C-alpha atoms as a PDB file:
ATOM      1  CA  MET A   1       4.214   9.601 -12.554  1.00  0.00           C
ATOM      2  CA  ARG A   2       2.526   9.616  -9.131  1.00  0.00           C
ATOM      3  CA  CYS A   3       3.737  11.154  -5.926  1.00  0.00           C
ATOM      4  CA  THR A   4       3.909   8.885  -2.908  1.00  0.00           C
ATOM      5  CA  LEU A   5       2.394  10.716   0.044  1.00  0.00           C
ATOM      6  CA  ARG A   6       2.961   8.998   3.388  1.00  0.00           C
ATOM      7  CA  VAL A   7       0.746  10.265   6.182  1.00  0.00           C
ATOM      8  CA  SER A   8       2.158   9.331   9.573  1.00  0.00           C
ATOM      9  CA  ALA A   9       1.737  10.394  13.178  1.00  0.00           C
ATOM     10  CA  THR A  10       4.985  12.371  12.794  1.00  0.00           C
ATOM     11  CA  GLY A  11       3.987  14.279   9.649  1.00  0.00           C
ATOM     12  CA  LEU A  12       3.740  14.142   5.869  1.00  0.00           C
ATOM     13  CA  TYR A  13       6.387  12.709   3.555  1.00  0.00           C
ATOM     14  CA  VAL A  14       6.427  13.032  -0.227  1.00  0.00           C
ATOM     15  CA  ASP A  15       8.627  10.521  -1.993  1.00  0.00           C
ATOM     16  CA  GLY A  16      10.404   9.997   1.337  1.00  0.00           C
ATOM     17  CA  ASP A  17      11.057  13.665   2.143  1.00  0.00           C
ATOM     18  CA  PRO A  18       9.273  15.521   4.984  1.00  0.00           C
ATOM     19  CA  LYS A  19       6.960  18.248   3.663  1.00  0.00           C
ATOM     20  CA  SER A  20       4.354  20.670   4.922  1.00  0.00           C
ATOM     21  CA  GLN A  21       0.795  20.098   3.770  1.00  0.00           C
ATOM     22  CA  SER A  22       0.980  22.935   1.227  1.00  0.00           C
ATOM     23  CA  GLU A  23       4.282  21.624  -0.173  1.00  0.00           C
ATOM     24  CA  ALA A  24       2.891  18.088  -0.396  1.00  0.00           C
ATOM     25  CA  VAL A  25      -0.214  19.253  -2.247  1.00  0.00           C
ATOM     26  CA  ALA A  26       1.840  21.349  -4.693  1.00  0.00           C
ATOM     27  CA  ILE A  27       4.154  18.448  -5.494  1.00  0.00           C
ATOM     28  CA  CYS A  28       1.305  15.958  -5.925  1.00  0.00           C
ATOM     29  CA  LYS A  29      -0.630  18.426  -8.099  1.00  0.00           C
ATOM     30  CA  SER A  30       2.263  18.408 -10.558  1.00  0.00           C
ATOM     31  CA  ARG A  31       1.972  14.596 -10.884  1.00  0.00           C
ATOM     32  CA  ALA A  32      -0.660  12.275 -12.372  1.00  0.00           C
ATOM     33  CA  ALA A  33      -2.007  11.179  -8.967  1.00  0.00           C
ATOM     34  CA  ALA A  34      -1.146  10.767  -5.291  1.00  0.00           C
ATOM     35  CA  MET A  35      -0.480   7.293  -3.909  1.00  0.00           C
ATOM     36  CA  VAL A  36      -1.379   7.830  -0.263  1.00  0.00           C
ATOM     37  CA  VAL A  37       0.024   5.537   2.396  1.00  0.00           C
ATOM     38  CA  LEU A  38      -1.740   5.841   5.753  1.00  0.00           C
ATOM     39  CA  GLU A  39       0.309   4.585   8.657  1.00  0.00           C
ATOM     40  CA  ASP A  40      -1.092   3.191  11.886  1.00  0.00           C
ATOM     41  CA  GLY A  41      -1.695   5.890  14.466  1.00  0.00           C
ATOM     42  CA  VAL A  42      -2.727   8.667  12.078  1.00  0.00           C
ATOM     43  CA  ALA A  43      -5.577  10.686  13.533  1.00  0.00           C
ATOM     44  CA  LYS A  44      -8.628  10.580  11.262  1.00  0.00           C
ATOM     45  CA  ASP A  45      -9.076  14.366  11.463  1.00  0.00           C
ATOM     46  CA  GLU A  46      -5.470  14.888  10.310  1.00  0.00           C
ATOM     47  CA  TRP A  47      -6.017  12.664   7.278  1.00  0.00           C
ATOM     48  CA  LYS A  48      -9.292  14.469   6.483  1.00  0.00           C
ATOM     49  CA  LYS A  49      -7.433  17.817   6.337  1.00  0.00           C
ATOM     50  CA  VAL A  50      -4.922  16.390   3.868  1.00  0.00           C
ATOM     51  CA  GLU A  51      -7.622  14.632   1.838  1.00  0.00           C
ATOM     52  CA  THR A  52      -9.669  17.836   1.604  1.00  0.00           C
ATOM     53  CA  ALA A  53      -6.640  19.789   0.367  1.00  0.00           C
ATOM     54  CA  LEU A  54      -5.835  17.138  -2.266  1.00  0.00           C
ATOM     55  CA  ARG A  55      -9.426  16.947  -3.506  1.00  0.00           C
ATOM     56  CA  ARG A  56      -9.722  20.758  -3.607  1.00  0.00           C
ATOM     57  CA  GLU A  57      -6.855  20.761  -6.110  1.00  0.00           C
ATOM     58  CA  GLY A  58      -8.395  17.937  -8.174  1.00  0.00           C
ATOM     59  CA  ILE A  59      -5.661  15.435  -7.341  1.00  0.00           C
ATOM     60  CA  GLU A  60      -6.584  11.794  -7.923  1.00  0.00           C
ATOM     61  CA  ILE A  61      -6.091   9.821  -4.706  1.00  0.00           C
ATOM     62  CA  LEU A  62      -5.034   6.182  -4.691  1.00  0.00           C
ATOM     63  CA  MET A  63      -4.626   4.637  -1.265  1.00  0.00           C
ATOM     64  CA  ARG A  64      -2.733   2.115   0.754  1.00  0.00           C
ATOM     65  CA  GLY A  65      -3.194   1.735   4.445  1.00  0.00           C
ATOM     66  CA  PRO A  66      -3.488  -0.531   7.428  1.00  0.00           C
ATOM     67  CA  LEU A  67      -5.494  -3.701   6.883  1.00  0.00           C
ATOM     68  CA  GLY A  68      -9.166  -2.985   7.499  1.00  0.00           C
ATOM     69  CA  HIS A  69      -8.775   0.800   7.470  1.00  0.00           C
ATOM     70  CA  ALA A  70     -12.115   2.276   6.366  1.00  0.00           C
ATOM     71  CA  GLU A  71     -10.590   4.957   4.097  1.00  0.00           C
ATOM     72  CA  CYS A  72      -8.532   2.326   2.333  1.00  0.00           C
ATOM     73  CA  LEU A  73     -11.422  -0.092   1.916  1.00  0.00           C
ATOM     74  CA  ASP A  74     -13.718   2.626   0.523  1.00  0.00           C
ATOM     75  CA  ASN A  75     -11.315   3.315  -2.354  1.00  0.00           C
ATOM     76  CA  PRO A  76     -12.075   0.941  -5.273  1.00  0.00           C
ATOM     77  CA  LEU A  77      -8.466   1.296  -6.469  1.00  0.00           C
ATOM     78  CA  ALA A  78      -7.002   0.453  -3.073  1.00  0.00           C
ATOM     79  CA  LYS A  79      -3.910  -1.707  -2.912  1.00  0.00           C
ATOM     80  CA  GLY A  80      -2.396  -3.198   0.193  1.00  0.00           C
ATOM     81  CA  CYS A  81      -5.764  -3.604   1.890  1.00  0.00           C
ATOM     82  CA  LEU A  82      -6.389  -7.226   1.037  1.00  0.00           C
END
């Protein structure tokens, strides 16, 4: 089972619940992968901090995001970008 990690301008949400970055990473580490949803308005540097933390823990990242978002388009497993 994957965690759903929503990254928004107001914070991080795992499976719909607000979480700190460390809590989000711990939850997603216990799952098969993280389905990341990037919302409009998320600062690129904020997403990079979260991405770095996920990758440091070896968490597979699958992405959804705004149409045309570079991070979403760079992921070969991206959904919701077409």
